[in-house]
Amino acid sequence: MTIERIVRIVAGFFILLSLGLAHATGQADLSQVSWMWFTAFVGLNLFQSGFTNLCPLVTILKKLGFKEASAAGAN
């Protein structure tokens, strides 16, 4: 597993954890339709992409012609 994938997993986990804690303490009501669900989507996508290496945005950007960073140029 690469550092990039671990970062995705940890970032997604912390987003979901912060939403869960905000909901548990009454600071965010996740039972209502709100922008918090967008945040939950981003967190879930980060979390799953760390395990599966599938990211919808990467797929879209590749189709638009953007290139990935080469392994030789990465530190």
N, C-alpha and C. Protein backbone atom coordinates (compact mmCIF):
# COMPACT_ATOMS: atom_id res chain seq x y z
N MET A 1 0.85 -1.17 0.00
CA MET A 1 0.00 0.00 0.00
C MET A 1 0.90 1.24 0.00
N THR A 2 0.52 2.21 -0.82
CA THR A 2 1.34 3.42 -0.96
C THR A 2 0.94 4.47 0.08
N ILE A 3 1.81 5.44 0.26
CA ILE A 3 1.53 6.55 1.18
C ILE A 3 0.28 7.30 0.73
N GLU A 4 0.14 7.50 -0.58
CA GLU A 4 -1.03 8.22 -1.10
C GLU A 4 -2.33 7.52 -0.72
N ARG A 5 -2.35 6.20 -0.82
CA ARG A 5 -3.57 5.45 -0.48
C ARG A 5 -3.85 5.50 1.01
N ILE A 6 -2.79 5.43 1.83
CA ILE A 6 -2.98 5.52 3.28
C ILE A 6 -3.52 6.91 3.66
N VAL A 7 -3.01 7.95 3.00
CA VAL A 7 -3.50 9.30 3.26
C VAL A 7 -4.97 9.41 2.92
N ARG A 8 -5.39 8.83 1.80
CA ARG A 8 -6.82 8.84 1.42
C ARG A 8 -7.66 8.15 2.48
N ILE A 9 -7.21 7.00 2.96
CA ILE A 9 -7.97 6.25 3.97
C ILE A 9 -8.09 7.06 5.25
N VAL A 10 -6.99 7.61 5.72
CA VAL A 10 -7.00 8.36 6.98
C VAL A 10 -7.85 9.63 6.83
N ALA A 11 -7.70 10.35 5.71
CA ALA A 11 -8.49 11.57 5.50
C ALA A 11 -9.98 11.25 5.46
N GLY A 12 -10.35 10.22 4.72
CA GLY A 12 -11.76 9.84 4.66
C GLY A 12 -12.30 9.42 6.01
N PHE A 13 -11.49 8.67 6.76
CA PHE A 13 -11.91 8.23 8.10
C PHE A 13 -12.14 9.44 9.02
N PHE A 14 -11.23 10.40 8.99
CA PHE A 14 -11.38 11.57 9.87
C PHE A 14 -12.57 12.44 9.47
N ILE A 15 -12.85 12.56 8.19
CA ILE A 15 -14.05 13.30 7.76
C ILE A 15 -15.30 12.61 8.29
N LEU A 16 -15.38 11.28 8.11
CA LEU A 16 -16.55 10.54 8.59
C LEU A 16 -16.64 10.57 10.11
N LEU A 17 -15.50 10.46 10.80
CA LEU A 17 -15.49 10.52 12.26
C LEU A 17 -15.98 11.88 12.75
N SER A 18 -15.51 12.97 12.13
CA SER A 18 -15.95 14.29 12.56
C SER A 18 -17.44 14.50 12.33
N LEU A 19 -17.97 13.98 11.22
CA LEU A 19 -19.41 14.06 10.99
C LEU A 19 -20.19 13.26 12.03
N GLY A 20 -19.69 12.05 12.31
CA GLY A 20 -20.35 11.21 13.32
C GLY A 20 -20.34 11.85 14.69
N LEU A 21 -19.22 12.43 15.08
CA LEU A 21 -19.13 13.09 16.39
C LEU A 21 -20.01 14.34 16.45
N ALA A 22 -20.04 15.11 15.36
CA ALA A 22 -20.90 16.29 15.31
C ALA A 22 -22.37 15.88 15.42
N HIS A 23 -22.74 14.80 14.77
CA HIS A 23 -24.11 14.31 14.86
C HIS A 23 -24.42 13.80 16.27
N ALA A 24 -23.49 13.07 16.85
CA ALA A 24 -23.71 12.50 18.19
C ALA A 24 -23.84 13.58 19.26
N THR A 25 -23.17 14.72 19.09
CA THR A 25 -23.24 15.79 20.09
C THR A 25 -24.31 16.81 19.76
N GLY A 26 -25.07 16.58 18.71
CA GLY A 26 -26.17 17.47 18.36
C GLY A 26 -25.75 18.70 17.56
N GLN A 27 -24.52 18.75 17.10
CA GLN A 27 -24.06 19.91 16.34
C GLN A 27 -24.41 19.80 14.86
N ALA A 28 -24.73 18.60 14.40
CA ALA A 28 -25.11 18.38 13.00
C ALA A 28 -26.23 17.35 12.97
N ASP A 29 -27.30 17.67 12.25
CA ASP A 29 -28.43 16.76 12.17
C ASP A 29 -28.37 16.02 10.83
N LEU A 30 -27.83 14.81 10.86
CA LEU A 30 -27.69 14.03 9.63
C LEU A 30 -28.98 13.33 9.23
N SER A 31 -30.04 13.49 10.04
CA SER A 31 -31.32 12.91 9.64
C SER A 31 -32.07 13.83 8.67
N GLN A 32 -31.57 15.04 8.48
CA GLN A 32 -32.17 15.99 7.55
C GLN A 32 -31.31 16.08 6.29
N VAL A 33 -31.96 16.38 5.18
CA VAL A 33 -31.22 16.59 3.93
C VAL A 33 -30.47 17.91 4.07
N SER A 34 -29.16 17.86 3.92
CA SER A 34 -28.35 19.07 4.05
C SER A 34 -27.03 18.88 3.31
N TRP A 35 -26.21 19.91 3.34
CA TRP A 35 -24.91 19.85 2.70
C TRP A 35 -23.97 18.90 3.43
N MET A 36 -24.31 18.49 4.65
CA MET A 36 -23.49 17.53 5.39
C MET A 36 -23.41 16.20 4.63
N TRP A 37 -24.44 15.88 3.87
CA TRP A 37 -24.42 14.64 3.10
C TRP A 37 -23.38 14.69 1.99
N PHE A 38 -23.13 15.90 1.45
CA PHE A 38 -22.07 16.06 0.47
C PHE A 38 -20.72 15.77 1.12
N THR A 39 -20.53 16.28 2.33
CA THR A 39 -19.30 16.02 3.08
C THR A 39 -19.15 14.53 3.36
N ALA A 40 -20.25 13.88 3.70
CA ALA A 40 -20.21 12.43 3.94
C ALA A 40 -19.83 11.69 2.66
N PHE A 41 -20.35 12.13 1.51
CA PHE A 41 -20.00 11.51 0.23
C PHE A 41 -18.50 11.63 -0.04
N VAL A 42 -17.95 12.83 0.20
CA VAL A 42 -16.52 13.04 -0.03
C VAL A 42 -15.70 12.14 0.89
N GLY A 43 -16.09 12.06 2.16
CA GLY A 43 -15.37 11.21 3.11
C GLY A 43 -15.44 9.74 2.72
N LEU A 44 -16.62 9.27 2.35
CA LEU A 44 -16.77 7.87 1.93
C LEU A 44 -15.96 7.59 0.67
N ASN A 45 -15.97 8.54 -0.27
CA ASN A 45 -15.22 8.34 -1.51
C ASN A 45 -13.72 8.28 -1.23
N LEU A 46 -13.22 9.17 -0.38
CA LEU A 46 -11.80 9.13 -0.02
C LEU A 46 -11.46 7.80 0.64
N PHE A 47 -12.29 7.38 1.57
CA PHE A 47 -12.04 6.15 2.32
C PHE A 47 -12.01 4.94 1.38
N GLN A 48 -13.02 4.80 0.52
CA GLN A 48 -13.07 3.64 -0.37
C GLN A 48 -11.97 3.70 -1.41
N SER A 49 -11.61 4.89 -1.89
CA SER A 49 -10.59 4.96 -2.93
C SER A 49 -9.21 4.58 -2.39
N GLY A 50 -9.01 4.74 -1.09
CA GLY A 50 -7.76 4.29 -0.49
C GLY A 50 -7.61 2.78 -0.56
N PHE A 51 -8.72 2.07 -0.46
CA PHE A 51 -8.68 0.61 -0.53
C PHE A 51 -8.76 0.09 -1.96
N THR A 52 -9.62 0.71 -2.78
CA THR A 52 -9.88 0.18 -4.12
C THR A 52 -9.05 0.85 -5.21
N ASN A 53 -8.51 2.03 -4.91
CA ASN A 53 -7.76 2.84 -5.87
C ASN A 53 -8.66 3.28 -7.03
N LEU A 54 -9.96 3.33 -6.82
CA LEU A 54 -10.91 3.82 -7.81
C LEU A 54 -11.47 5.15 -7.32
N CYS A 55 -11.25 6.20 -8.11
CA CYS A 55 -11.73 7.53 -7.75
C CYS A 55 -12.45 8.12 -8.96
N PRO A 56 -13.72 8.47 -8.82
CA PRO A 56 -14.46 9.02 -9.96
C PRO A 56 -13.80 10.27 -10.55
N LEU A 57 -13.24 11.15 -9.73
CA LEU A 57 -12.62 12.35 -10.25
C LEU A 57 -11.38 12.02 -11.09
N VAL A 58 -10.59 11.06 -10.66
CA VAL A 58 -9.42 10.65 -11.46
C VAL A 58 -9.87 10.15 -12.83
N THR A 59 -10.92 9.35 -12.87
CA THR A 59 -11.45 8.83 -14.13
C THR A 59 -11.90 9.97 -15.04
N ILE A 60 -12.62 10.94 -14.48
CA ILE A 60 -13.10 12.08 -15.26
C ILE A 60 -11.92 12.89 -15.79
N LEU A 61 -10.94 13.17 -14.94
CA LEU A 61 -9.79 13.97 -15.36
C LEU A 61 -8.98 13.27 -16.45
N LYS A 62 -8.84 11.95 -16.36
CA LYS A 62 -8.13 11.21 -17.41
C LYS A 62 -8.87 11.32 -18.73
N LYS A 63 -10.20 11.23 -18.70
CA LYS A 63 -10.98 11.34 -19.94
C LYS A 63 -10.89 12.74 -20.53
N LEU A 64 -10.64 13.73 -19.68
CA LEU A 64 -10.48 15.10 -20.16
C LEU A 64 -9.07 15.38 -20.68
N GLY A 65 -8.17 14.38 -20.56
CA GLY A 65 -6.84 14.50 -21.12
C GLY A 65 -5.72 14.83 -20.15
N PHE A 66 -6.03 14.93 -18.87
CA PHE A 66 -4.99 15.20 -17.89
C PHE A 66 -4.16 13.94 -17.66
N LYS A 67 -2.89 14.13 -17.36
CA LYS A 67 -1.99 13.00 -17.14
C LYS A 67 -1.66 12.88 -15.66
N GLU A 68 -1.40 11.63 -15.24
CA GLU A 68 -0.98 11.38 -13.86
C GLU A 68 0.50 11.70 -13.71
N ALA A 69 0.91 11.99 -12.48
CA ALA A 69 2.33 12.24 -12.22
C ALA A 69 3.10 10.94 -12.44
N SER A 70 4.29 11.05 -12.99
CA SER A 70 5.10 9.86 -13.21
C SER A 70 5.77 9.43 -11.91
N ALA A 71 5.99 8.15 -11.77
CA ALA A 71 6.64 7.62 -10.55
C ALA A 71 8.07 8.12 -10.42
N ALA A 72 8.73 8.38 -11.55
CA ALA A 72 10.11 8.85 -11.53
C ALA A 72 10.23 10.27 -10.97
N GLY A 73 9.18 11.08 -11.19
CA GLY A 73 9.21 12.47 -10.72
C GLY A 73 8.74 12.64 -9.29
N ALA A 74 8.14 11.59 -8.74
CA ALA A 74 7.61 11.69 -7.37
C ALA A 74 8.72 11.47 -6.36
N ASN A 75 8.58 12.10 -5.21
CA ASN A 75 9.56 11.91 -4.14
C ASN A 75 9.04 10.98 -3.09
